[in-house]
Amino acid sequence: MSKFSLFPSSSPGQVTLVEAPLATTYARKARLTFWVVGLSASVLGAVSLGYTMPWPIVGGILGVAGGLAVGLVCAVLVRIWPVLRAVWHWLPEITVFLAVVFGWTTLVHTVPAVAAVFIIGVPVAVVAAVPATRRAVIAVVWCAIDRHRVRSFCARALRASSTKAGCLPLILIARPTPSGERVWLWLRPGLTLADLEGRTGALAEELGASQVRVGRVSEARAAYVYVDIARRDPLRSLVLSPLMDLVDFDETIIPTSPGLPPVGGLDLPGVPEPYNPPQERRGGRRPTEGQA
């Protein structure tokens, strides 16, 4: 029988921020970047400083050292790019978390705890009570959720492809729209708009939307695309117009359509009136020849 422990000594598993194949790929790219950028910058710096400084040897040494330093910085940036991308994707949540923690800590050390709760609680209650601000906050929250759902969908869909496993797009920003939300993406080399157009149905199910449309933001930049997420139809809602209050109507005048037949007789001078012979009354005598 296994013994239950609240704090087990053995680790159940490891949670990695970057997957192992992706980390290996970026490590190889970092080494290549160091040698290419470092050697190129070293040669350029040694030649430039060797001619400008009084001692060419010292200038060459400084140029080589500076070039290797530049190559090392570029290699480090390439190596940690997956981490920087993850931080960028979670930047709004990280910013809100730091603002809440540091703001609350500063507020508690400045005013009493009761006053701090009152200062924080009143704006939150007002935002939750007013429909306009509440809808605005909900729309912003949905934008943050859509960024993560689009990122996870692209990672899961492209992971199945052996040629496009590392071509994850960069999720830029998102904003609310009258029908839902719009998310902007920057496609990596090897990924095209057609790869997303063939998966709009699955993406709509992932986002819980009725329809998803993708397209280019600019014809000059094919990698800059957008994802329109439609959750509702804004044309179905009732739109109130103030134009009816600006027009004076006379209730005594009944408007008629031009297609309706005219009411009453026509007053046409050039057209004679039709002749209607008098009809004999029912039950009367037929006139005789002498009376006629």
C-alpha atoms as a PDB file:
ATOM      1  CA  MET A   1       0.000   0.000   0.000  1.00  0.00           C
ATOM      2  CA  SER A   2       1.478   3.300  -1.026  1.00  0.00           C
ATOM      3  CA  LYS A   3       1.928   5.917   1.586  1.00  0.00           C
ATOM      4  CA  PHE A   4       0.276   9.245   0.967  1.00  0.00           C
ATOM      5  CA  SER A   5       2.489  12.297   1.333  1.00  0.00           C
ATOM      6  CA  LEU A   6       1.475  15.895   1.007  1.00  0.00           C
ATOM      7  CA  PHE A   7       4.932  16.876  -0.203  1.00  0.00           C
ATOM      8  CA  PRO A   8       6.337  13.891  -2.166  1.00  0.00           C
ATOM      9  CA  SER A   9      10.096  13.654  -2.470  1.00  0.00           C
ATOM     10  CA  SER A  10      10.083  12.349  -6.038  1.00  0.00           C
ATOM     11  CA  SER A  11       9.224  14.771  -8.792  1.00  0.00           C
ATOM     12  CA  PRO A  12       6.157  13.670 -10.802  1.00  0.00           C
ATOM     13  CA  GLY A  13       7.527  15.237 -13.948  1.00  0.00           C
ATOM     14  CA  GLN A  14       9.079  18.300 -15.509  1.00  0.00           C
ATOM     15  CA  VAL A  15       7.310  21.202 -17.142  1.00  0.00           C
ATOM     16  CA  THR A  16       9.360  22.681 -19.959  1.00  0.00           C
ATOM     17  CA  LEU A  17       8.790  26.121 -21.344  1.00  0.00           C
ATOM     18  CA  VAL A  18      10.326  25.183 -24.707  1.00  0.00           C
ATOM     19  CA  GLU A  19      10.024  21.731 -26.254  1.00  0.00           C
ATOM     20  CA  ALA A  20      13.219  19.706 -26.677  1.00  0.00           C
ATOM     21  CA  PRO A  21      13.209  19.515 -30.518  1.00  0.00           C
ATOM     22  CA  LEU A  22      12.613  23.244 -30.765  1.00  0.00           C
ATOM     23  CA  ALA A  23      15.361  23.983 -28.221  1.00  0.00           C
ATOM     24  CA  THR A  24      17.805  21.807 -30.165  1.00  0.00           C
ATOM     25  CA  THR A  25      16.956  23.596 -33.405  1.00  0.00           C
ATOM     26  CA  TYR A  26      17.515  27.040 -31.893  1.00  0.00           C
ATOM     27  CA  ALA A  27      20.760  25.902 -30.244  1.00  0.00           C
ATOM     28  CA  ARG A  28      22.098  24.897 -33.652  1.00  0.00           C
ATOM     29  CA  LYS A  29      20.938  28.215 -35.114  1.00  0.00           C
ATOM     30  CA  ALA A  30      22.636  30.078 -32.256  1.00  0.00           C
ATOM     31  CA  ARG A  31      26.004  28.398 -32.914  1.00  0.00           C
ATOM     32  CA  LEU A  32      25.742  29.172 -36.608  1.00  0.00           C
ATOM     33  CA  THR A  33      24.820  32.789 -35.856  1.00  0.00           C
ATOM     34  CA  PHE A  34      27.789  33.196 -33.506  1.00  0.00           C
ATOM     35  CA  TRP A  35      30.332  32.046 -36.060  1.00  0.00           C
ATOM     36  CA  VAL A  36      28.851  33.888 -39.037  1.00  0.00           C
ATOM     37  CA  VAL A  37      28.165  37.195 -37.282  1.00  0.00           C
ATOM     38  CA  GLY A  38      31.218  36.988 -35.037  1.00  0.00           C
ATOM     39  CA  LEU A  39      33.710  36.325 -37.805  1.00  0.00           C
ATOM     40  CA  SER A  40      32.176  38.909 -40.135  1.00  0.00           C
ATOM     41  CA  ALA A  41      32.120  41.576 -37.432  1.00  0.00           C
ATOM     42  CA  SER A  42      35.646  40.666 -36.302  1.00  0.00           C
ATOM     43  CA  VAL A  43      37.110  41.081 -39.764  1.00  0.00           C
ATOM     44  CA  LEU A  44      35.244  44.335 -40.338  1.00  0.00           C
ATOM     45  CA  GLY A  45      36.222  45.712 -36.912  1.00  0.00           C
ATOM     46  CA  ALA A  46      39.870  44.660 -37.185  1.00  0.00           C
ATOM     47  CA  VAL A  47      40.272  46.286 -40.590  1.00  0.00           C
ATOM     48  CA  SER A  48      38.453  49.476 -39.562  1.00  0.00           C
ATOM     49  CA  LEU A  49      40.252  49.957 -36.224  1.00  0.00           C
ATOM     50  CA  GLY A  50      43.606  48.860 -37.647  1.00  0.00           C
ATOM     51  CA  TYR A  51      43.600  51.779 -40.086  1.00  0.00           C
ATOM     52  CA  THR A  52      42.163  54.384 -37.718  1.00  0.00           C
ATOM     53  CA  MET A  53      44.154  53.723 -34.522  1.00  0.00           C
ATOM     54  CA  PRO A  54      47.853  54.618 -34.108  1.00  0.00           C
ATOM     55  CA  TRP A  55      48.749  50.982 -33.301  1.00  0.00           C
ATOM     56  CA  PRO A  56      47.277  48.607 -35.893  1.00  0.00           C
ATOM     57  CA  ILE A  57      47.841  45.561 -33.713  1.00  0.00           C
ATOM     58  CA  VAL A  58      45.843  47.018 -30.860  1.00  0.00           C
ATOM     59  CA  GLY A  59      43.118  48.081 -33.269  1.00  0.00           C
ATOM     60  CA  GLY A  60      42.981  44.591 -34.768  1.00  0.00           C
ATOM     61  CA  ILE A  61      42.710  42.978 -31.343  1.00  0.00           C
ATOM     62  CA  LEU A  62      39.941  45.358 -30.296  1.00  0.00           C
ATOM     63  CA  GLY A  63      38.120  44.790 -33.586  1.00  0.00           C
ATOM     64  CA  VAL A  64      38.243  41.001 -33.173  1.00  0.00           C
ATOM     65  CA  ALA A  65      37.075  41.253 -29.561  1.00  0.00           C
ATOM     66  CA  GLY A  66      34.220  43.561 -30.510  1.00  0.00           C
ATOM     67  CA  GLY A  67      33.167  41.320 -33.389  1.00  0.00           C
ATOM     68  CA  LEU A  68      33.106  38.235 -31.170  1.00  0.00           C
ATOM     69  CA  ALA A  69      31.072  40.173 -28.595  1.00  0.00           C
ATOM     70  CA  VAL A  70      28.542  41.157 -31.264  1.00  0.00           C
ATOM     71  CA  GLY A  71      28.334  37.565 -32.451  1.00  0.00           C
ATOM     72  CA  LEU A  72      27.818  36.348 -28.888  1.00  0.00           C
ATOM     73  CA  VAL A  73      24.976  38.809 -28.311  1.00  0.00           C
ATOM     74  CA  CYS A  74      23.246  37.767 -31.549  1.00  0.00           C
ATOM     75  CA  ALA A  75      23.706  34.089 -30.684  1.00  0.00           C
ATOM     76  CA  VAL A  76      22.184  34.597 -27.240  1.00  0.00           C
ATOM     77  CA  LEU A  77      19.202  36.385 -28.758  1.00  0.00           C
ATOM     78  CA  VAL A  78      18.665  33.549 -31.222  1.00  0.00           C
ATOM     79  CA  ARG A  79      19.043  30.949 -28.470  1.00  0.00           C
ATOM     80  CA  ILE A  80      16.494  32.534 -26.135  1.00  0.00           C
ATOM     81  CA  TRP A  81      14.066  33.571 -28.863  1.00  0.00           C
ATOM     82  CA  PRO A  82      11.518  30.840 -27.972  1.00  0.00           C
ATOM     83  CA  VAL A  83      11.509  32.122 -24.386  1.00  0.00           C
ATOM     84  CA  LEU A  84      11.150  35.723 -25.549  1.00  0.00           C
ATOM     85  CA  ARG A  85       8.265  34.687 -27.792  1.00  0.00           C
ATOM     86  CA  ALA A  86       6.536  32.949 -24.880  1.00  0.00           C
ATOM     87  CA  VAL A  87       7.033  36.073 -22.737  1.00  0.00           C
ATOM     88  CA  TRP A  88       5.561  38.198 -25.554  1.00  0.00           C
ATOM     89  CA  HIS A  89       2.502  35.965 -25.794  1.00  0.00           C
ATOM     90  CA  TRP A  90       1.935  36.242 -22.025  1.00  0.00           C
ATOM     91  CA  LEU A  91       2.952  39.909 -21.769  1.00  0.00           C
ATOM     92  CA  PRO A  92      -0.557  41.315 -21.049  1.00  0.00           C
ATOM     93  CA  GLU A  93      -1.127  38.810 -18.234  1.00  0.00           C
ATOM     94  CA  ILE A  94       2.348  39.396 -16.812  1.00  0.00           C
ATOM     95  CA  THR A  95       1.824  43.165 -16.918  1.00  0.00           C
ATOM     96  CA  VAL A  96      -1.562  42.953 -15.181  1.00  0.00           C
ATOM     97  CA  PHE A  97      -0.181  40.584 -12.540  1.00  0.00           C
ATOM     98  CA  LEU A  98       2.810  42.828 -11.751  1.00  0.00           C
ATOM     99  CA  ALA A  99       0.598  45.925 -11.689  1.00  0.00           C
ATOM    100  CA  VAL A 100      -1.830  44.281  -9.246  1.00  0.00           C
ATOM    101  CA  VAL A 101       0.900  42.913  -6.964  1.00  0.00           C
ATOM    102  CA  PHE A 102       3.079  46.011  -6.824  1.00  0.00           C
ATOM    103  CA  GLY A 103       0.080  48.355  -6.822  1.00  0.00           C
ATOM    104  CA  TRP A 104      -1.551  46.537  -3.918  1.00  0.00           C
ATOM    105  CA  THR A 105       1.733  46.377  -1.992  1.00  0.00           C
ATOM    106  CA  THR A 106       2.374  50.082  -2.477  1.00  0.00           C
ATOM    107  CA  LEU A 107      -1.214  50.948  -1.571  1.00  0.00           C
ATOM    108  CA  VAL A 108      -1.159  48.863   1.626  1.00  0.00           C
ATOM    109  CA  HIS A 109       2.084  50.497   2.780  1.00  0.00           C
ATOM    110  CA  THR A 110       0.684  53.963   2.029  1.00  0.00           C
ATOM    111  CA  VAL A 111      -2.851  53.861   3.455  1.00  0.00           C
ATOM    112  CA  PRO A 112      -4.630  51.586   5.983  1.00  0.00           C
ATOM    113  CA  ALA A 113      -5.876  48.212   4.796  1.00  0.00           C
ATOM    114  CA  VAL A 114      -9.560  49.217   5.020  1.00  0.00           C
ATOM    115  CA  ALA A 115      -8.942  52.280   2.889  1.00  0.00           C
ATOM    116  CA  ALA A 116      -6.949  50.191   0.402  1.00  0.00           C
ATOM    117  CA  VAL A 117      -9.834  47.740   0.048  1.00  0.00           C
ATOM    118  CA  PHE A 118     -12.237  50.649  -0.449  1.00  0.00           C
ATOM    119  CA  ILE A 119      -9.987  52.275  -3.076  1.00  0.00           C
ATOM    120  CA  ILE A 120      -9.697  49.027  -5.017  1.00  0.00           C
ATOM    121  CA  GLY A 121     -13.253  47.769  -4.494  1.00  0.00           C
ATOM    122  CA  VAL A 122     -15.163  50.882  -5.556  1.00  0.00           C
ATOM    123  CA  PRO A 123     -13.710  51.108  -9.109  1.00  0.00           C
ATOM    124  CA  VAL A 124     -14.127  47.363  -9.579  1.00  0.00           C
ATOM    125  CA  ALA A 125     -17.771  47.569  -8.464  1.00  0.00           C
ATOM    126  CA  VAL A 126     -18.443  50.542 -10.746  1.00  0.00           C
ATOM    127  CA  VAL A 127     -16.904  48.764 -13.746  1.00  0.00           C
ATOM    128  CA  ALA A 128     -18.962  45.654 -13.014  1.00  0.00           C
ATOM    129  CA  ALA A 129     -22.203  47.608 -12.509  1.00  0.00           C
ATOM    130  CA  VAL A 130     -22.074  49.871 -15.576  1.00  0.00           C
ATOM    131  CA  PRO A 131     -23.027  47.861 -18.704  1.00  0.00           C
ATOM    132  CA  ALA A 132     -20.754  49.785 -21.085  1.00  0.00           C
ATOM    133  CA  THR A 133     -17.599  49.332 -19.024  1.00  0.00           C
ATOM    134  CA  ARG A 134     -18.484  45.745 -18.233  1.00  0.00           C
ATOM    135  CA  ARG A 135     -18.832  44.921 -21.930  1.00  0.00           C
ATOM    136  CA  ALA A 136     -15.540  46.677 -22.672  1.00  0.00           C
ATOM    137  CA  VAL A 137     -13.698  44.644 -20.035  1.00  0.00           C
ATOM    138  CA  ILE A 138     -15.256  41.397 -21.283  1.00  0.00           C
ATOM    139  CA  ALA A 139     -14.218  42.246 -24.847  1.00  0.00           C
ATOM    140  CA  VAL A 140     -10.614  42.836 -23.753  1.00  0.00           C
ATOM    141  CA  VAL A 141     -10.608  39.529 -21.859  1.00  0.00           C
ATOM    142  CA  TRP A 142     -11.855  37.724 -24.954  1.00  0.00           C
ATOM    143  CA  CYS A 143      -9.035  39.303 -26.978  1.00  0.00           C
ATOM    144  CA  ALA A 144      -6.472  37.874 -24.543  1.00  0.00           C
ATOM    145  CA  ILE A 145      -8.136  34.453 -24.676  1.00  0.00           C
ATOM    146  CA  ASP A 146      -8.203  34.468 -28.481  1.00  0.00           C
ATOM    147  CA  ARG A 147      -4.463  35.197 -28.698  1.00  0.00           C
ATOM    148  CA  HIS A 148      -3.686  32.089 -26.642  1.00  0.00           C
ATOM    149  CA  ARG A 149      -6.190  29.908 -28.484  1.00  0.00           C
ATOM    150  CA  VAL A 150      -4.850  30.928 -31.887  1.00  0.00           C
ATOM    151  CA  ARG A 151      -1.287  30.248 -30.702  1.00  0.00           C
ATOM    152  CA  SER A 152      -2.145  26.822 -29.299  1.00  0.00           C
ATOM    153  CA  PHE A 153      -4.115  25.889 -32.423  1.00  0.00           C
ATOM    154  CA  CYS A 154      -1.221  26.851 -34.723  1.00  0.00           C
ATOM    155  CA  ALA A 155       1.255  24.922 -32.560  1.00  0.00           C
ATOM    156  CA  ARG A 156      -0.933  21.812 -32.554  1.00  0.00           C
ATOM    157  CA  ALA A 157      -1.820  21.999 -36.253  1.00  0.00           C
ATOM    158  CA  LEU A 158       1.701  22.647 -37.505  1.00  0.00           C
ATOM    159  CA  ARG A 159       3.342  20.139 -35.179  1.00  0.00           C
ATOM    160  CA  ALA A 160       1.832  17.343 -37.247  1.00  0.00           C
ATOM    161  CA  SER A 161       3.695  18.586 -40.334  1.00  0.00           C
ATOM    162  CA  SER A 162       7.342  17.576 -40.431  1.00  0.00           C
ATOM    163  CA  THR A 163       8.287  20.448 -42.736  1.00  0.00           C
ATOM    164  CA  LYS A 164       6.438  23.207 -40.857  1.00  0.00           C
ATOM    165  CA  ALA A 165       6.815  22.150 -37.239  1.00  0.00           C
ATOM    166  CA  GLY A 166       9.030  25.121 -36.372  1.00  0.00           C
ATOM    167  CA  CYS A 167       7.166  27.706 -38.448  1.00  0.00           C
ATOM    168  CA  LEU A 168       4.916  28.979 -35.684  1.00  0.00           C
ATOM    169  CA  PRO A 169       3.512  32.442 -36.421  1.00  0.00           C
ATOM    170  CA  LEU A 170       4.087  35.356 -34.092  1.00  0.00           C
ATOM    171  CA  ILE A 171       0.839  36.470 -32.456  1.00  0.00           C
ATOM    172  CA  LEU A 172       0.881  40.270 -32.479  1.00  0.00           C
ATOM    173  CA  ILE A 173      -2.127  42.069 -30.990  1.00  0.00           C
ATOM    174  CA  ALA A 174      -5.891  41.658 -30.813  1.00  0.00           C
ATOM    175  CA  ARG A 175      -8.745  44.132 -30.567  1.00  0.00           C
ATOM    176  CA  PRO A 176     -12.550  43.914 -30.301  1.00  0.00           C
ATOM    177  CA  THR A 177     -14.767  44.325 -33.368  1.00  0.00           C
ATOM    178  CA  PRO A 178     -18.562  44.729 -33.705  1.00  0.00           C
ATOM    179  CA  SER A 179     -18.881  41.037 -34.617  1.00  0.00           C
ATOM    180  CA  GLY A 180     -16.211  39.608 -32.301  1.00  0.00           C
ATOM    181  CA  GLU A 181     -12.449  40.026 -32.274  1.00  0.00           C
ATOM    182  CA  ARG A 182      -9.572  40.462 -34.733  1.00  0.00           C
ATOM    183  CA  VAL A 183      -6.101  39.000 -34.179  1.00  0.00           C
ATOM    184  CA  TRP A 184      -3.027  40.006 -36.191  1.00  0.00           C
ATOM    185  CA  LEU A 185      -0.321  37.441 -37.030  1.00  0.00           C
ATOM    186  CA  TRP A 186       3.149  37.586 -38.547  1.00  0.00           C
ATOM    187  CA  LEU A 187       3.872  34.420 -40.510  1.00  0.00           C
ATOM    188  CA  ARG A 188       7.295  32.794 -40.324  1.00  0.00           C
ATOM    189  CA  PRO A 189       9.152  31.736 -43.508  1.00  0.00           C
ATOM    190  CA  GLY A 190       7.672  28.454 -44.688  1.00  0.00           C
ATOM    191  CA  LEU A 191       4.120  29.288 -43.599  1.00  0.00           C
ATOM    192  CA  THR A 192       1.623  30.827 -46.020  1.00  0.00           C
ATOM    193  CA  LEU A 193      -1.881  32.195 -45.827  1.00  0.00           C
ATOM    194  CA  ALA A 194      -3.195  29.098 -47.617  1.00  0.00           C
ATOM    195  CA  ASP A 195      -2.129  26.974 -44.629  1.00  0.00           C
ATOM    196  CA  LEU A 196      -4.540  28.947 -42.443  1.00  0.00           C
ATOM    197  CA  GLU A 197      -7.334  29.224 -44.996  1.00  0.00           C
ATOM    198  CA  GLY A 198      -7.679  25.454 -45.143  1.00  0.00           C
ATOM    199  CA  ARG A 199      -8.158  25.264 -41.364  1.00  0.00           C
ATOM    200  CA  THR A 200     -10.721  28.001 -40.725  1.00  0.00           C
ATOM    201  CA  GLY A 201     -13.438  25.505 -39.762  1.00  0.00           C
ATOM    202  CA  ALA A 202     -11.262  23.804 -37.160  1.00  0.00           C
ATOM    203  CA  LEU A 203     -10.067  27.193 -35.928  1.00  0.00           C
ATOM    204  CA  ALA A 204     -13.671  28.359 -35.467  1.00  0.00           C
ATOM    205  CA  GLU A 205     -14.384  25.304 -33.325  1.00  0.00           C
ATOM    206  CA  GLU A 206     -11.216  25.966 -31.303  1.00  0.00           C
ATOM    207  CA  LEU A 207     -12.249  29.576 -30.663  1.00  0.00           C
ATOM    208  CA  GLY A 208     -15.906  28.778 -30.031  1.00  0.00           C
ATOM    209  CA  ALA A 209     -16.994  31.151 -32.804  1.00  0.00           C
ATOM    210  CA  SER A 210     -19.573  30.868 -35.547  1.00  0.00           C
ATOM    211  CA  GLN A 211     -17.176  31.801 -38.341  1.00  0.00           C
ATOM    212  CA  VAL A 212     -13.484  32.637 -38.848  1.00  0.00           C
ATOM    213  CA  ARG A 213     -12.051  34.572 -41.778  1.00  0.00           C
ATOM    214  CA  VAL A 214      -8.374  35.116 -42.605  1.00  0.00           C
ATOM    215  CA  GLY A 215      -6.781  37.569 -45.011  1.00  0.00           C
ATOM    216  CA  ARG A 216      -3.834  39.801 -45.711  1.00  0.00           C
ATOM    217  CA  VAL A 217      -3.554  43.120 -43.960  1.00  0.00           C
ATOM    218  CA  SER A 218      -1.440  44.614 -46.743  1.00  0.00           C
ATOM    219  CA  GLU A 219      -0.753  43.484 -50.297  1.00  0.00           C
ATOM    220  CA  ALA A 220       2.872  44.589 -49.949  1.00  0.00           C
ATOM    221  CA  ARG A 221       3.564  42.285 -46.972  1.00  0.00           C
ATOM    222  CA  ALA A 222       2.305  38.754 -47.466  1.00  0.00           C
ATOM    223  CA  ALA A 223       3.430  37.651 -44.000  1.00  0.00           C
ATOM    224  CA  TYR A 224       1.214  40.209 -42.226  1.00  0.00           C
ATOM    225  CA  VAL A 225      -2.257  38.600 -41.930  1.00  0.00           C
ATOM    226  CA  TYR A 226      -5.340  38.915 -39.752  1.00  0.00           C
ATOM    227  CA  VAL A 227      -7.867  36.493 -38.283  1.00  0.00           C
ATOM    228  CA  ASP A 228     -11.443  37.774 -37.965  1.00  0.00           C
ATOM    229  CA  ILE A 229     -13.457  35.933 -35.306  1.00  0.00           C
ATOM    230  CA  ALA A 230     -17.233  36.310 -35.715  1.00  0.00           C
ATOM    231  CA  ARG A 231     -19.276  35.503 -32.615  1.00  0.00           C
ATOM    232  CA  ARG A 232     -22.431  37.511 -33.358  1.00  0.00           C
ATOM    233  CA  ASP A 233     -24.186  39.310 -36.202  1.00  0.00           C
ATOM    234  CA  PRO A 234     -24.234  43.071 -35.523  1.00  0.00           C
ATOM    235  CA  LEU A 235     -26.892  43.635 -38.230  1.00  0.00           C
ATOM    236  CA  ARG A 236     -29.517  41.723 -36.260  1.00  0.00           C
ATOM    237  CA  SER A 237     -29.524  44.174 -33.382  1.00  0.00           C
ATOM    238  CA  LEU A 238     -32.005  47.082 -33.262  1.00  0.00           C
ATOM    239  CA  VAL A 239     -30.418  50.349 -34.360  1.00  0.00           C
ATOM    240  CA  LEU A 240     -32.182  53.482 -33.088  1.00  0.00           C
ATOM    241  CA  SER A 241     -32.058  56.443 -35.462  1.00  0.00           C
ATOM    242  CA  PRO A 242     -32.844  60.052 -34.453  1.00  0.00           C
ATOM    243  CA  LEU A 243     -33.973  60.946 -37.989  1.00  0.00           C
ATOM    244  CA  MET A 244     -37.631  60.171 -37.296  1.00  0.00           C
ATOM    245  CA  ASP A 245     -37.726  62.877 -34.621  1.00  0.00           C
ATOM    246  CA  LEU A 246     -36.438  65.489 -37.071  1.00  0.00           C
ATOM    247  CA  VAL A 247     -39.311  65.098 -39.594  1.00  0.00           C
ATOM    248  CA  ASP A 248     -42.746  66.688 -39.013  1.00  0.00           C
ATOM    249  CA  PHE A 249     -45.679  64.491 -40.028  1.00  0.00           C
ATOM    250  CA  ASP A 250     -49.286  65.631 -40.595  1.00  0.00           C
ATOM    251  CA  GLU A 251     -51.573  62.880 -39.380  1.00  0.00           C
ATOM    252  CA  THR A 252     -54.516  64.258 -41.459  1.00  0.00           C
ATOM    253  CA  ILE A 253     -52.715  63.524 -44.711  1.00  0.00           C
ATOM    254  CA  ILE A 254     -52.869  59.879 -45.676  1.00  0.00           C
ATOM    255  CA  PRO A 255     -50.062  59.053 -48.072  1.00  0.00           C
ATOM    256  CA  THR A 256     -51.004  56.938 -51.070  1.00  0.00           C
ATOM    257  CA  SER A 257     -48.834  54.938 -53.362  1.00  0.00           C
ATOM    258  CA  PRO A 258     -48.507  56.040 -57.014  1.00  0.00           C
ATOM    259  CA  GLY A 259     -49.472  52.537 -58.059  1.00  0.00           C
ATOM    260  CA  LEU A 260     -52.943  52.713 -56.521  1.00  0.00           C
ATOM    261  CA  PRO A 261     -55.904  53.548 -58.797  1.00  0.00           C
ATOM    262  CA  PRO A 262     -57.330  57.054 -58.424  1.00  0.00           C
ATOM    263  CA  VAL A 263     -60.351  57.559 -56.216  1.00  0.00           C
ATOM    264  CA  GLY A 264     -63.422  59.158 -57.822  1.00  0.00           C
ATOM    265  CA  GLY A 265     -64.051  60.296 -61.379  1.00  0.00           C
ATOM    266  CA  LEU A 266     -61.548  61.757 -63.761  1.00  0.00           C
ATOM    267  CA  ASP A 267     -61.759  65.360 -64.920  1.00  0.00           C
ATOM    268  CA  LEU A 268     -60.504  65.040 -68.493  1.00  0.00           C
ATOM    269  CA  PRO A 269     -61.918  67.755 -70.813  1.00  0.00           C
ATOM    270  CA  GLY A 270     -60.782  66.079 -74.031  1.00  0.00           C
ATOM    271  CA  VAL A 271     -62.358  62.697 -73.240  1.00  0.00           C
ATOM    272  CA  PRO A 272     -66.179  62.400 -73.513  1.00  0.00           C
ATOM    273  CA  GLU A 273     -68.122  60.753 -70.774  1.00  0.00           C
ATOM    274  CA  PRO A 274     -69.264  57.202 -71.622  1.00  0.00           C
ATOM    275  CA  TYR A 275     -72.970  56.784 -72.452  1.00  0.00           C
ATOM    276  CA  ASN A 276     -74.897  54.540 -70.117  1.00  0.00           C
ATOM    277  CA  PRO A 277     -78.476  53.831 -71.410  1.00  0.00           C
ATOM    278  CA  PRO A 278     -81.167  53.787 -68.738  1.00  0.00           C
ATOM    279  CA  GLN A 279     -82.263  50.385 -67.719  1.00  0.00           C
ATOM    280  CA  GLU A 280     -85.930  49.546 -67.379  1.00  0.00           C
ATOM    281  CA  ARG A 281     -87.272  49.012 -63.972  1.00  0.00           C
ATOM    282  CA  ARG A 282     -88.051  45.480 -62.926  1.00  0.00           C
ATOM    283  CA  GLY A 283     -91.754  44.645 -63.003  1.00  0.00           C
ATOM    284  CA  GLY A 284     -92.764  47.547 -65.292  1.00  0.00           C
ATOM    285  CA  ARG A 285     -94.789  47.347 -68.511  1.00  0.00           C
ATOM    286  CA  ARG A 286     -93.115  47.084 -71.884  1.00  0.00           C
ATOM    287  CA  PRO A 287     -93.998  50.225 -73.871  1.00  0.00           C
ATOM    288  CA  THR A 288     -96.361  49.721 -76.823  1.00  0.00           C
ATOM    289  CA  GLU A 289     -95.765  50.977 -80.345  1.00  0.00           C
ATOM    290  CA  GLY A 290     -98.182  53.863 -79.953  1.00  0.00           C
ATOM    291  CA  GLN A 291     -96.598  54.937 -76.699  1.00  0.00           C
ATOM    292  CA  ALA A 292     -93.150  54.671 -78.213  1.00  0.00           C
END
